[in-house]
Amino acid sequence: MRYRVFVVDSRRRVICAAKLDCIDEQTARCRAEQMCGEHDVELWEGDRLVAVFRGVTSNENPGDRS
């Protein structure tokens, strides 16, 4: 299955994007979560948002999601 991963800043602007080819959603979730660091990581399958993994920046500023 084909997934896309987006690393986004605090204003949800895309910093970087990658394609993931994974056998199933659980594998895609694990791989996307491993990419999480300073910024949030969004995992998408087509136009469906699968998961958001919160980065360090989000944890420091939980109310700053405009």
PDB file of N, CA and C in Angstrom:
ATOM      1  N   MET A   1       0.848  -1.179   0.000  1.00  0.00           N
ATOM      2  CA  MET A   1       0.000   0.000   0.000  1.00  0.00           C
ATOM      3  C   MET A   1       0.891   1.238   0.000  1.00  0.00           C
ATOM      4  N   ARG A   2       0.418   2.284  -0.619  1.00  0.00           N
ATOM      5  CA  ARG A   2       1.191   3.514  -0.721  1.00  0.00           C
ATOM      6  C   ARG A   2       0.664   4.544   0.278  1.00  0.00           C
ATOM      7  N   TYR A   3       1.576   5.101   1.046  1.00  0.00           N
ATOM      8  CA  TYR A   3       1.271   6.143   2.026  1.00  0.00           C
ATOM      9  C   TYR A   3       2.176   7.324   1.755  1.00  0.00           C
ATOM     10  N   ARG A   4       1.789   8.468   2.315  1.00  0.00           N
ATOM     11  CA  ARG A   4       2.638   9.662   2.271  1.00  0.00           C
ATOM     12  C   ARG A   4       2.808  10.159   3.692  1.00  0.00           C
ATOM     13  N   VAL A   5       3.995  10.648   3.967  1.00  0.00           N
ATOM     14  CA  VAL A   5       4.320  11.193   5.279  1.00  0.00           C
ATOM     15  C   VAL A   5       4.715  12.652   5.075  1.00  0.00           C
ATOM     16  N   PHE A   6       4.148  13.515   5.915  1.00  0.00           N
ATOM     17  CA  PHE A   6       4.476  14.933   5.874  1.00  0.00           C
ATOM     18  C   PHE A   6       4.997  15.363   7.232  1.00  0.00           C
ATOM     19  N   VAL A   7       6.158  15.983   7.247  1.00  0.00           N
ATOM     20  CA  VAL A   7       6.679  16.623   8.455  1.00  0.00           C
ATOM     21  C   VAL A   7       6.223  18.069   8.364  1.00  0.00           C
ATOM     22  N   VAL A   8       5.498  18.533   9.389  1.00  0.00           N
ATOM     23  CA  VAL A   8       4.908  19.869   9.338  1.00  0.00           C
ATOM     24  C   VAL A   8       5.349  20.710  10.530  1.00  0.00           C
ATOM     25  N   ASP A   9       5.388  22.034  10.304  1.00  0.00           N
ATOM     26  CA  ASP A   9       5.763  22.939  11.388  1.00  0.00           C
ATOM     27  C   ASP A   9       4.538  23.276  12.234  1.00  0.00           C
ATOM     28  N   SER A  10       4.685  24.185  13.164  1.00  0.00           N
ATOM     29  CA  SER A  10       3.604  24.517  14.099  1.00  0.00           C
ATOM     30  C   SER A  10       2.390  25.141  13.419  1.00  0.00           C
ATOM     31  N   ARG A  11       2.558  25.639  12.188  1.00  0.00           N
ATOM     32  CA  ARG A  11       1.432  26.197  11.424  1.00  0.00           C
ATOM     33  C   ARG A  11       0.938  25.225  10.354  1.00  0.00           C
ATOM     34  N   ARG A  12       1.397  23.971  10.453  1.00  0.00           N
ATOM     35  CA  ARG A  12       1.033  22.888   9.540  1.00  0.00           C
ATOM     36  C   ARG A  12       1.526  23.112   8.117  1.00  0.00           C
ATOM     37  N   ARG A  13       2.605  23.884   7.985  1.00  0.00           N
ATOM     38  CA  ARG A  13       3.250  24.025   6.685  1.00  0.00           C
ATOM     39  C   ARG A  13       4.197  22.836   6.503  1.00  0.00           C
ATOM     40  N   VAL A  14       4.197  22.270   5.323  1.00  0.00           N
ATOM     41  CA  VAL A  14       5.017  21.098   5.053  1.00  0.00           C
ATOM     42  C   VAL A  14       6.491  21.476   4.996  1.00  0.00           C
ATOM     43  N   ILE A  15       7.270  20.798   5.810  1.00  0.00           N
ATOM     44  CA  ILE A  15       8.723  20.979   5.825  1.00  0.00           C
ATOM     45  C   ILE A  15       9.359  19.964   4.880  1.00  0.00           C
ATOM     46  N   CYS A  16       8.821  18.757   4.905  1.00  0.00           N
ATOM     47  CA  CYS A  16       9.368  17.692   4.077  1.00  0.00           C
ATOM     48  C   CYS A  16       8.291  16.642   3.869  1.00  0.00           C
ATOM     49  N   ALA A  17       8.379  15.912   2.769  1.00  0.00           N
ATOM     50  CA  ALA A  17       7.405  14.871   2.449  1.00  0.00           C
ATOM     51  C   ALA A  17       8.147  13.632   1.951  1.00  0.00           C
ATOM     52  N   ALA A  18       7.525  12.474   2.186  1.00  0.00           N
ATOM     53  CA  ALA A  18       8.111  11.219   1.725  1.00  0.00           C
ATOM     54  C   ALA A  18       7.001  10.234   1.385  1.00  0.00           C
ATOM     55  N   LYS A  19       7.306   9.344   0.460  1.00  0.00           N
ATOM     56  CA  LYS A  19       6.384   8.261   0.122  1.00  0.00           C
ATOM     57  C   LYS A  19       6.804   7.019   0.888  1.00  0.00           C
ATOM     58  N   LEU A  20       5.824   6.277   1.371  1.00  0.00           N
ATOM     59  CA  LEU A  20       6.091   5.008   2.041  1.00  0.00           C
ATOM     60  C   LEU A  20       5.306   3.914   1.337  1.00  0.00           C
ATOM     61  N   ASP A  21       5.965   2.845   0.972  1.00  0.00           N
ATOM     62  CA  ASP A  21       5.291   1.650   0.478  1.00  0.00           C
ATOM     63  C   ASP A  21       5.373   0.625   1.595  1.00  0.00           C
ATOM     64  N   CYS A  22       4.229   0.308   2.169  1.00  0.00           N
ATOM     65  CA  CYS A  22       4.178  -0.594   3.317  1.00  0.00           C
ATOM     66  C   CYS A  22       3.162  -1.705   3.083  1.00  0.00           C
ATOM     67  N   ILE A  23       3.378  -2.815   3.735  1.00  0.00           N
ATOM     68  CA  ILE A  23       2.503  -3.967   3.570  1.00  0.00           C
ATOM     69  C   ILE A  23       1.121  -3.728   4.186  1.00  0.00           C
ATOM     70  N   ASP A  24       1.069  -2.920   5.256  1.00  0.00           N
ATOM     71  CA  ASP A  24      -0.208  -2.633   5.900  1.00  0.00           C
ATOM     72  C   ASP A  24      -0.119  -1.327   6.685  1.00  0.00           C
ATOM     73  N   GLU A  25      -1.275  -0.913   7.227  1.00  0.00           N
ATOM     74  CA  GLU A  25      -1.338   0.370   7.941  1.00  0.00           C
ATOM     75  C   GLU A  25      -0.483   0.370   9.201  1.00  0.00           C
ATOM     76  N   GLN A  26      -0.453  -0.736   9.923  1.00  0.00           N
ATOM     77  CA  GLN A  26       0.340  -0.801  11.156  1.00  0.00           C
ATOM     78  C   GLN A  26       1.818  -0.566  10.868  1.00  0.00           C
ATOM     79  N   THR A  27       2.319  -1.145   9.799  1.00  0.00           N
ATOM     80  CA  THR A  27       3.716  -0.944   9.416  1.00  0.00           C
ATOM     81  C   THR A  27       3.960   0.517   9.044  1.00  0.00           C
ATOM     82  N   ALA A  28       3.018   1.111   8.320  1.00  0.00           N
ATOM     83  CA  ALA A  28       3.143   2.522   7.938  1.00  0.00           C
ATOM     84  C   ALA A  28       3.150   3.415   9.178  1.00  0.00           C
ATOM     85  N   ARG A  29       2.289   3.106  10.142  1.00  0.00           N
ATOM     86  CA  ARG A  29       2.259   3.886  11.386  1.00  0.00           C
ATOM     87  C   ARG A  29       3.597   3.810  12.112  1.00  0.00           C
ATOM     88  N   CYS A  30       4.150   2.616  12.207  1.00  0.00           N
ATOM     89  CA  CYS A  30       5.444   2.448  12.897  1.00  0.00           C
ATOM     90  C   CYS A  30       6.551   3.235  12.208  1.00  0.00           C
ATOM     91  N   ARG A  31       6.591   3.156  10.889  1.00  0.00           N
ATOM     92  CA  ARG A  31       7.634   3.873  10.147  1.00  0.00           C
ATOM     93  C   ARG A  31       7.469   5.383  10.268  1.00  0.00           C
ATOM     94  N   ALA A  32       6.226   5.874  10.196  1.00  0.00           N
ATOM     95  CA  ALA A  32       5.986   7.315  10.318  1.00  0.00           C
ATOM     96  C   ALA A  32       6.338   7.804  11.723  1.00  0.00           C
ATOM     97  N   GLU A  33       5.989   7.024  12.733  1.00  0.00           N
ATOM     98  CA  GLU A  33       6.282   7.422  14.112  1.00  0.00           C
ATOM     99  C   GLU A  33       7.788   7.530  14.341  1.00  0.00           C
ATOM    100  N   GLN A  34       8.560   6.690  13.681  1.00  0.00           N
ATOM    101  CA  GLN A  34      10.022   6.743  13.800  1.00  0.00           C
ATOM    102  C   GLN A  34      10.588   8.040  13.229  1.00  0.00           C
ATOM    103  N   MET A  35       9.845   8.684  12.339  1.00  0.00           N
ATOM    104  CA  MET A  35      10.300   9.943  11.730  1.00  0.00           C
ATOM    105  C   MET A  35      10.013  11.147  12.626  1.00  0.00           C
ATOM    106  N   CYS A  36       9.248  10.930  13.662  1.00  0.00           N
ATOM    107  CA  CYS A  36       8.844  12.024  14.545  1.00  0.00           C
ATOM    108  C   CYS A  36      10.054  12.498  15.355  1.00  0.00           C
ATOM    109  N   GLY A  37      10.193  13.800  15.452  1.00  0.00           N
ATOM    110  CA  GLY A  37      11.290  14.397  16.206  1.00  0.00           C
ATOM    111  C   GLY A  37      10.848  15.739  16.724  1.00  0.00           C
ATOM    112  N   GLU A  38      11.438  16.778  16.191  1.00  0.00           N
ATOM    113  CA  GLU A  38      11.111  18.141  16.618  1.00  0.00           C
ATOM    114  C   GLU A  38       9.713  18.558  16.160  1.00  0.00           C
ATOM    115  N   HIS A  39       9.306  18.111  14.974  1.00  0.00           N
ATOM    116  CA  HIS A  39       8.041  18.542  14.373  1.00  0.00           C
ATOM    117  C   HIS A  39       7.026  17.408  14.310  1.00  0.00           C
ATOM    118  N   ASP A  40       5.766  17.778  14.085  1.00  0.00           N
ATOM    119  CA  ASP A  40       4.706  16.785  13.913  1.00  0.00           C
ATOM    120  C   ASP A  40       4.899  16.036  12.602  1.00  0.00           C
ATOM    121  N   VAL A  41       4.427  14.807  12.584  1.00  0.00           N
ATOM    122  CA  VAL A  41       4.453  13.972  11.390  1.00  0.00           C
ATOM    123  C   VAL A  41       3.029  13.509  11.114  1.00  0.00           C
ATOM    124  N   GLU A  42       2.563  13.742   9.890  1.00  0.00           N
ATOM    125  CA  GLU A  42       1.231  13.305   9.460  1.00  0.00           C
ATOM    126  C   GLU A  42       1.385  12.138   8.493  1.00  0.00           C
ATOM    127  N   LEU A  43       0.583  11.104   8.698  1.00  0.00           N
ATOM    128  CA  LEU A  43       0.571   9.940   7.819  1.00  0.00           C
ATOM    129  C   LEU A  43      -0.741   9.936   7.049  1.00  0.00           C
ATOM    130  N   TRP A  44      -0.650   9.868   5.723  1.00  0.00           N
ATOM    131  CA  TRP A  44      -1.821   9.911   4.845  1.00  0.00           C
ATOM    132  C   TRP A  44      -1.847   8.693   3.932  1.00  0.00           C
ATOM    133  N   GLU A  45      -3.039   8.196   3.685  1.00  0.00           N
ATOM    134  CA  GLU A  45      -3.269   7.202   2.646  1.00  0.00           C
ATOM    135  C   GLU A  45      -4.242   7.846   1.668  1.00  0.00           C
ATOM    136  N   GLY A  46      -3.734   8.281   0.525  1.00  0.00           N
ATOM    137  CA  GLY A  46      -4.570   9.037  -0.407  1.00  0.00           C
ATOM    138  C   GLY A  46      -5.020  10.329   0.251  1.00  0.00           C
ATOM    139  N   ASP A  47      -6.336  10.558   0.302  1.00  0.00           N
ATOM    140  CA  ASP A  47      -6.855  11.774   0.945  1.00  0.00           C
ATOM    141  C   ASP A  47      -7.343  11.516   2.366  1.00  0.00           C
ATOM    142  N   ARG A  48      -6.990  10.363   2.930  1.00  0.00           N
ATOM    143  CA  ARG A  48      -7.395  10.014   4.303  1.00  0.00           C
ATOM    144  C   ARG A  48      -6.227  10.218   5.260  1.00  0.00           C
ATOM    145  N   LEU A  49      -6.456  11.058   6.273  1.00  0.00           N
ATOM    146  CA  LEU A  49      -5.463  11.247   7.327  1.00  0.00           C
ATOM    147  C   LEU A  49      -5.516  10.032   8.240  1.00  0.00           C
ATOM    148  N   VAL A  50      -4.428   9.287   8.297  1.00  0.00           N
ATOM    149  CA  VAL A  50      -4.369   8.061   9.079  1.00  0.00           C
ATOM    150  C   VAL A  50      -4.002   8.370  10.525  1.00  0.00           C
ATOM    151  N   ALA A  51      -2.956   9.186  10.718  1.00  0.00           N
ATOM    152  CA  ALA A  51      -2.477   9.469  12.079  1.00  0.00           C
ATOM    153  C   ALA A  51      -1.619  10.722  12.075  1.00  0.00           C
ATOM    154  N   VAL A  52      -1.548  11.342  13.252  1.00  0.00           N
ATOM    155  CA  VAL A  52      -0.641  12.464  13.485  1.00  0.00           C
ATOM    156  C   VAL A  52       0.208  12.102  14.694  1.00  0.00           C
ATOM    157  N   PHE A  53       1.505  12.191  14.531  1.00  0.00           N
ATOM    158  CA  PHE A  53       2.445  11.927  15.616  1.00  0.00           C
ATOM    159  C   PHE A  53       3.029  13.261  16.045  1.00  0.00           C
ATOM    160  N   ARG A  54       2.830  13.608  17.292  1.00  0.00           N
ATOM    161  CA  ARG A  54       3.229  14.917  17.816  1.00  0.00           C
ATOM    162  C   ARG A  54       4.718  14.976  18.082  1.00  0.00           C
ATOM    163  N   GLY A  55       5.322  16.047  17.616  1.00  0.00           N
ATOM    164  CA  GLY A  55       6.744  16.267  17.833  1.00  0.00           C
ATOM    165  C   GLY A  55       6.997  17.038  19.112  1.00  0.00           C
ATOM    166  N   VAL A  56       8.253  17.235  19.408  1.00  0.00           N
ATOM    167  CA  VAL A  56       8.666  17.957  20.619  1.00  0.00           C
ATOM    168  C   VAL A  56       8.087  19.363  20.636  1.00  0.00           C
ATOM    169  N   THR A  57       8.093  20.051  19.504  1.00  0.00           N
ATOM    170  CA  THR A  57       7.594  21.416  19.419  1.00  0.00           C
ATOM    171  C   THR A  57       6.121  21.481  19.821  1.00  0.00           C
ATOM    172  N   SER A  58       5.312  20.525  19.395  1.00  0.00           N
ATOM    173  CA  SER A  58       3.890  20.501  19.749  1.00  0.00           C
ATOM    174  C   SER A  58       3.692  20.301  21.235  1.00  0.00           C
ATOM    175  N   ASN A  59       4.505  19.460  21.831  1.00  0.00           N
ATOM    176  CA  ASN A  59       4.379  19.195  23.257  1.00  0.00           C
ATOM    177  C   ASN A  59       4.720  20.420  24.102  1.00  0.00           C
ATOM    178  N   GLU A  60       5.590  21.282  23.579  1.00  0.00           N
ATOM    179  CA  GLU A  60       5.962  22.491  24.301  1.00  0.00           C
ATOM    180  C   GLU A  60       4.904  23.575  24.152  1.00  0.00           C
ATOM    181  N   ASN A  61       4.191  23.605  23.007  1.00  0.00           N
ATOM    182  CA  ASN A  61       3.204  24.637  22.726  1.00  0.00           C
ATOM    183  C   ASN A  61       1.872  24.002  22.304  1.00  0.00           C
ATOM    184  N   PRO A  62       1.193  23.280  23.188  1.00  0.00           N
ATOM    185  CA  PRO A  62      -0.031  22.572  22.781  1.00  0.00           C
ATOM    186  C   PRO A  62      -1.152  23.474  22.293  1.00  0.00           C
ATOM    187  N   GLY A  63      -1.211  24.714  22.697  1.00  0.00           N
ATOM    188  CA  GLY A  63      -2.286  25.607  22.283  1.00  0.00           C
ATOM    189  C   GLY A  63      -2.013  26.347  20.985  1.00  0.00           C
ATOM    190  N   ASP A  64      -0.824  26.212  20.432  1.00  0.00           N
ATOM    191  CA  ASP A  64      -0.433  26.956  19.240  1.00  0.00           C
ATOM    192  C   ASP A  64      -0.708  26.141  17.984  1.00  0.00           C
ATOM    193  N   ARG A  65      -1.987  25.917  17.645  1.00  0.00           N
ATOM    194  CA  ARG A  65      -2.364  25.114  16.482  1.00  0.00           C
ATOM    195  C   ARG A  65      -3.290  25.891  15.571  1.00  0.00           C
ATOM    196  N   SER A  66      -2.951  27.134  15.200  1.00  0.00           N
ATOM    197  CA  SER A  66      -3.826  27.933  14.353  1.00  0.00           C
ATOM    198  C   SER A  66      -3.728  27.591  12.904  1.00  0.00           C
TER     199      SER A  66
END
